[in-house]
PDB file of N, CA and C in Angstrom:
ATOM      1  N   MET A   1       0.870  -1.219  -0.131  1.00  0.00           N
ATOM      2  CA  MET A   1       0.172   0.219  -0.139  1.00  0.00           C
ATOM      3  C   MET A   1       0.991   1.066   0.096  1.00  0.00           C
ATOM      4  N   LYS A   2       0.515   2.346  -0.649  1.00  0.00           N
ATOM      5  CA  LYS A   2       1.242   3.523  -0.973  1.00  0.00           C
ATOM      6  C   LYS A   2       1.183   4.419   0.396  1.00  0.00           C
ATOM      7  N   PRO A   3       2.395   4.864   0.683  1.00  0.00           N
ATOM      8  CA  PRO A   3       2.130   5.606   2.164  1.00  0.00           C
ATOM      9  C   PRO A   3       1.056   6.467   2.157  1.00  0.00           C
ATOM     10  N   THR A   4       0.489   7.270   1.240  1.00  0.00           N
ATOM     11  CA  THR A   4      -0.211   8.300   1.258  1.00  0.00           C
ATOM     12  C   THR A   4      -1.805   7.651   1.476  1.00  0.00           C
ATOM     13  N   LYS A   5      -2.124   6.372   0.948  1.00  0.00           N
ATOM     14  CA  LYS A   5      -3.372   5.816   1.081  1.00  0.00           C
ATOM     15  C   LYS A   5      -3.116   5.279   2.290  1.00  0.00           C
ATOM     16  N   SER A   6      -2.031   4.919   2.930  1.00  0.00           N
ATOM     17  CA  SER A   6      -2.088   4.142   4.341  1.00  0.00           C
ATOM     18  C   SER A   6      -2.226   5.205   5.328  1.00  0.00           C
ATOM     19  N   LEU A   7      -1.971   6.580   5.412  1.00  0.00           N
ATOM     20  CA  LEU A   7      -2.306   7.570   6.052  1.00  0.00           C
ATOM     21  C   LEU A   7      -3.497   8.021   6.127  1.00  0.00           C
ATOM     22  N   LYS A   8      -4.429   7.880   4.977  1.00  0.00           N
ATOM     23  CA  LYS A   8      -5.471   8.359   4.927  1.00  0.00           C
ATOM     24  C   LYS A   8      -6.325   7.377   5.476  1.00  0.00           C
ATOM     25  N   GLN A   9      -5.910   5.852   5.282  1.00  0.00           N
ATOM     26  CA  GLN A   9      -6.728   5.008   5.918  1.00  0.00           C
ATOM     27  C   GLN A   9      -6.552   4.784   7.804  1.00  0.00           C
ATOM     28  N   GLN A  10      -5.411   5.461   8.186  1.00  0.00           N
ATOM     29  CA  GLN A  10      -5.452   5.494   9.375  1.00  0.00           C
ATOM     30  C   GLN A  10      -6.035   6.796   9.955  1.00  0.00           C
ATOM     31  N   ALA A  11      -6.349   7.773   9.143  1.00  0.00           N
ATOM     32  CA  ALA A  11      -7.070   8.846   9.522  1.00  0.00           C
ATOM     33  C   ALA A  11      -8.625   8.181   9.530  1.00  0.00           C
ATOM     34  N   ARG A  12      -9.098   7.554   8.920  1.00  0.00           N
ATOM     35  CA  ARG A  12     -10.346   7.030   8.951  1.00  0.00           C
ATOM     36  C   ARG A  12     -10.765   6.528   9.866  1.00  0.00           C
ATOM     37  N   VAL A  13      -9.632   5.381  10.403  1.00  0.00           N
ATOM     38  CA  VAL A  13      -9.874   4.730  11.508  1.00  0.00           C
ATOM     39  C   VAL A  13      -9.708   5.397  12.870  1.00  0.00           C
ATOM     40  N   ALA A  14      -9.009   6.635  13.005  1.00  0.00           N
ATOM     41  CA  ALA A  14      -8.786   7.494  13.934  1.00  0.00           C
ATOM     42  C   ALA A  14     -10.336   8.063  14.212  1.00  0.00           C
ATOM     43  N   GLU A  15     -10.660   8.848  13.180  1.00  0.00           N
ATOM     44  CA  GLU A  15     -12.021   9.394  12.957  1.00  0.00           C
ATOM     45  C   GLU A  15     -13.135   8.410  13.640  1.00  0.00           C
ATOM     46  N   LYS A  16     -13.246   6.905  13.192  1.00  0.00           N
ATOM     47  CA  LYS A  16     -14.213   6.251  13.490  1.00  0.00           C
ATOM     48  C   LYS A  16     -14.131   5.840  15.250  1.00  0.00           C
ATOM     49  N   ALA A  17     -12.797   5.628  15.467  1.00  0.00           N
ATOM     50  CA  ALA A  17     -12.555   5.618  17.017  1.00  0.00           C
ATOM     51  C   ALA A  17     -12.817   6.652  17.777  1.00  0.00           C
ATOM     52  N   ALA A  18     -12.636   8.150  17.058  1.00  0.00           N
ATOM     53  CA  ALA A  18     -13.072   9.118  18.040  1.00  0.00           C
ATOM     54  C   ALA A  18     -14.568   9.226  18.004  1.00  0.00           C
ATOM     55  N   GLN A  19     -15.352   8.577  17.154  1.00  0.00           N
ATOM     56  CA  GLN A  19     -16.876   8.834  17.241  1.00  0.00           C
ATOM     57  C   GLN A  19     -17.483   7.754  18.251  1.00  0.00           C
ATOM     58  N   GLN A  20     -16.798   6.804  18.609  1.00  0.00           N
ATOM     59  CA  GLN A  20     -17.096   5.610  19.439  1.00  0.00           C
ATOM     60  C   GLN A  20     -16.440   5.933  20.466  1.00  0.00           C
ATOM     61  N   VAL A  21     -15.661   6.501  21.105  1.00  0.00           N
ATOM     62  CA  VAL A  21     -15.044   6.611  22.416  1.00  0.00           C
ATOM     63  C   VAL A  21     -16.006   7.545  23.162  1.00  0.00           C
ATOM     64  N   ALA A  22     -16.241   7.164  24.672  1.00  0.00           N
ATOM     65  CA  ALA A  22     -16.995   7.871  25.461  1.00  0.00           C
ATOM     66  C   ALA A  22     -16.454   9.099  26.048  1.00  0.00           C
ATOM     67  N   ASP A  23     -15.043   9.220  26.341  1.00  0.00           N
ATOM     68  CA  ASP A  23     -14.322  10.417  26.913  1.00  0.00           C
ATOM     69  C   ASP A  23     -14.247  11.292  25.876  1.00  0.00           C
ATOM     70  N   ALA A  24     -14.695  12.651  26.120  1.00  0.00           N
ATOM     71  CA  ALA A  24     -14.401  13.804  25.226  1.00  0.00           C
ATOM     72  C   ALA A  24     -12.764  14.222  24.797  1.00  0.00           C
ATOM     73  N   PHE A  25     -12.185  13.940  26.102  1.00  0.00           N
ATOM     74  CA  PHE A  25     -10.600  14.289  25.772  1.00  0.00           C
ATOM     75  C   PHE A  25     -10.303  13.530  24.863  1.00  0.00           C
ATOM     76  N   VAL A  26     -10.236  12.118  24.994  1.00  0.00           N
ATOM     77  CA  VAL A  26      -9.910  11.154  23.933  1.00  0.00           C
ATOM     78  C   VAL A  26     -10.334  11.608  22.655  1.00  0.00           C
ATOM     79  N   ALA A  27     -11.558  11.615  22.568  1.00  0.00           N
ATOM     80  CA  ALA A  27     -12.228  11.775  21.178  1.00  0.00           C
ATOM     81  C   ALA A  27     -11.423  13.007  20.640  1.00  0.00           C
ATOM     82  N   ASN A  28     -11.035  13.896  21.170  1.00  0.00           N
ATOM     83  CA  ASN A  28     -10.500  14.978  20.806  1.00  0.00           C
ATOM     84  C   ASN A  28      -8.946  14.560  19.929  1.00  0.00           C
ATOM     85  N   GLN A  29      -8.414  14.189  21.050  1.00  0.00           N
ATOM     86  CA  GLN A  29      -7.102  13.835  20.676  1.00  0.00           C
ATOM     87  C   GLN A  29      -7.243  12.644  19.134  1.00  0.00           C
ATOM     88  N   MET A  30      -7.919  12.083  19.201  1.00  0.00           N
ATOM     89  CA  MET A  30      -8.265  11.215  18.058  1.00  0.00           C
ATOM     90  C   MET A  30      -8.607  11.668  17.162  1.00  0.00           C
ATOM     91  N   LYS A  31      -9.151  12.950  16.989  1.00  0.00           N
ATOM     92  CA  LYS A  31      -9.624  14.055  15.937  1.00  0.00           C
ATOM     93  C   LYS A  31      -8.335  14.490  15.597  1.00  0.00           C
ATOM     94  N   ALA A  32      -7.505  14.944  16.559  1.00  0.00           N
ATOM     95  CA  ALA A  32      -6.404  15.433  16.128  1.00  0.00           C
ATOM     96  C   ALA A  32      -5.302  14.861  15.370  1.00  0.00           C
ATOM     97  N   LEU A  33      -5.294  13.330  15.952  1.00  0.00           N
ATOM     98  CA  LEU A  33      -4.620  12.424  15.230  1.00  0.00           C
ATOM     99  C   LEU A  33      -5.046  12.122  13.759  1.00  0.00           C
ATOM    100  N   ALA A  34      -6.351  12.172  13.477  1.00  0.00           N
ATOM    101  CA  ALA A  34      -6.834  12.072  12.069  1.00  0.00           C
ATOM    102  C   ALA A  34      -6.370  13.097  11.225  1.00  0.00           C
ATOM    103  N   SER A  35      -6.714  14.280  11.843  1.00  0.00           N
ATOM    104  CA  SER A  35      -5.950  15.484  11.077  1.00  0.00           C
ATOM    105  C   SER A  35      -4.433  15.541  10.717  1.00  0.00           C
ATOM    106  N   ALA A  36      -3.693  15.117  11.976  1.00  0.00           N
ATOM    107  CA  ALA A  36      -2.336  14.817  11.476  1.00  0.00           C
ATOM    108  C   ALA A  36      -1.832  13.892  10.472  1.00  0.00           C
ATOM    109  N   PHE A  37      -2.726  13.018  10.421  1.00  0.00           N
ATOM    110  CA  PHE A  37      -2.467  11.877   9.357  1.00  0.00           C
ATOM    111  C   PHE A  37      -2.838  12.691   8.108  1.00  0.00           C
ATOM    112  N   ARG A  38      -3.782  13.265   7.782  1.00  0.00           N
ATOM    113  CA  ARG A  38      -4.413  13.898   6.542  1.00  0.00           C
ATOM    114  C   ARG A  38      -3.667  15.231   6.040  1.00  0.00           C
ATOM    115  N   ALA A  39      -2.846  15.872   7.130  1.00  0.00           N
ATOM    116  CA  ALA A  39      -2.126  16.790   6.824  1.00  0.00           C
ATOM    117  C   ALA A  39      -0.624  15.932   6.186  1.00  0.00           C
ATOM    118  N   GLN A  40      -0.337  15.082   6.817  1.00  0.00           N
ATOM    119  CA  GLN A  40       1.057  14.329   6.343  1.00  0.00           C
ATOM    120  C   GLN A  40       0.612  13.845   4.954  1.00  0.00           C
ATOM    121  N   ALA A  41      -0.439  13.102   4.756  1.00  0.00           N
ATOM    122  CA  ALA A  41      -0.613  12.549   3.448  1.00  0.00           C
ATOM    123  C   ALA A  41      -0.463  13.723   2.218  1.00  0.00           C
ATOM    124  N   LYS A  42      -1.277  14.617   2.734  1.00  0.00           N
ATOM    125  CA  LYS A  42      -1.346  15.767   1.723  1.00  0.00           C
ATOM    126  C   LYS A  42       0.284  16.454   1.408  1.00  0.00           C
ATOM    127  N   VAL A  43       0.912  16.695   2.354  1.00  0.00           N
ATOM    128  CA  VAL A  43       2.387  17.054   2.078  1.00  0.00           C
ATOM    129  C   VAL A  43       3.364  16.038   1.265  1.00  0.00           C
ATOM    130  N   MET A  44       2.987  14.869   1.785  1.00  0.00           N
ATOM    131  CA  MET A  44       3.794  13.868   0.701  1.00  0.00           C
ATOM    132  C   MET A  44       3.249  13.673  -0.614  1.00  0.00           C
ATOM    133  N   LYS A  45       2.134  13.893  -0.607  1.00  0.00           N
ATOM    134  CA  LYS A  45       1.492  14.017  -1.894  1.00  0.00           C
ATOM    135  C   LYS A  45       1.826  15.128  -2.822  1.00  0.00           C
ATOM    136  N   LYS A  46       2.072  16.246  -2.134  1.00  0.00           N
ATOM    137  CA  LYS A  46       2.603  17.466  -2.786  1.00  0.00           C
ATOM    138  C   LYS A  46       4.188  17.461  -3.017  1.00  0.00           C
ATOM    139  N   ASN A  47       4.585  16.971  -2.098  1.00  0.00           N
ATOM    140  CA  ASN A  47       6.405  16.627  -2.528  1.00  0.00           C
ATOM    141  C   ASN A  47       6.531  15.809  -3.419  1.00  0.00           C
ATOM    142  N   LYS A  48       5.651  14.700  -3.946  1.00  0.00           N
ATOM    143  CA  LYS A  48       5.753  13.770  -4.835  1.00  0.00           C
ATOM    144  C   LYS A  48       5.483  14.428  -6.442  1.00  0.00           C
ATOM    145  N   ARG A  49       4.321  15.407  -6.003  1.00  0.00           N
ATOM    146  CA  ARG A  49       4.015  16.057  -7.298  1.00  0.00           C
ATOM    147  C   ARG A  49       5.403  16.946  -7.734  1.00  0.00           C
ATOM    148  N   LYS A  50       5.896  17.567  -6.766  1.00  0.00           N
ATOM    149  CA  LYS A  50       7.385  18.482  -7.144  1.00  0.00           C
ATOM    150  C   LYS A  50       8.443  17.844  -7.863  1.00  0.00           C
ATOM    151  N   LYS A  51       8.562  16.573  -7.325  1.00  0.00           N
ATOM    152  CA  LYS A  51       9.480  15.620  -7.770  1.00  0.00           C
ATOM    153  C   LYS A  51       9.293  15.115  -9.291  1.00  0.00           C
ATOM    154  N   SER A  52       8.277  15.072  -9.765  1.00  0.00           N
ATOM    155  CA  SER A  52       7.891  14.515 -11.035  1.00  0.00           C
ATOM    156  C   SER A  52       7.939  15.535 -11.868  1.00  0.00           C
ATOM    157  N   SER A  53       7.889  16.549 -11.436  1.00  0.00           N
ATOM    158  CA  SER A  53       7.740  17.770 -12.474  1.00  0.00           C
ATOM    159  C   SER A  53       9.111  18.256 -12.683  1.00  0.00           C
TER     160      SER A  53
END
């Protein structure tokens, strides 16, 4: 699996976990983690485009 696809999948899993957890603090942490995964995937995709240009 490609790294960006893997990061996006991890973000989906973290979002799902955030919805299922009862503790608000943990839910916010999981949402932040999902956001970080998506941001990292975006940066990796951007850098890949730069290399191929």
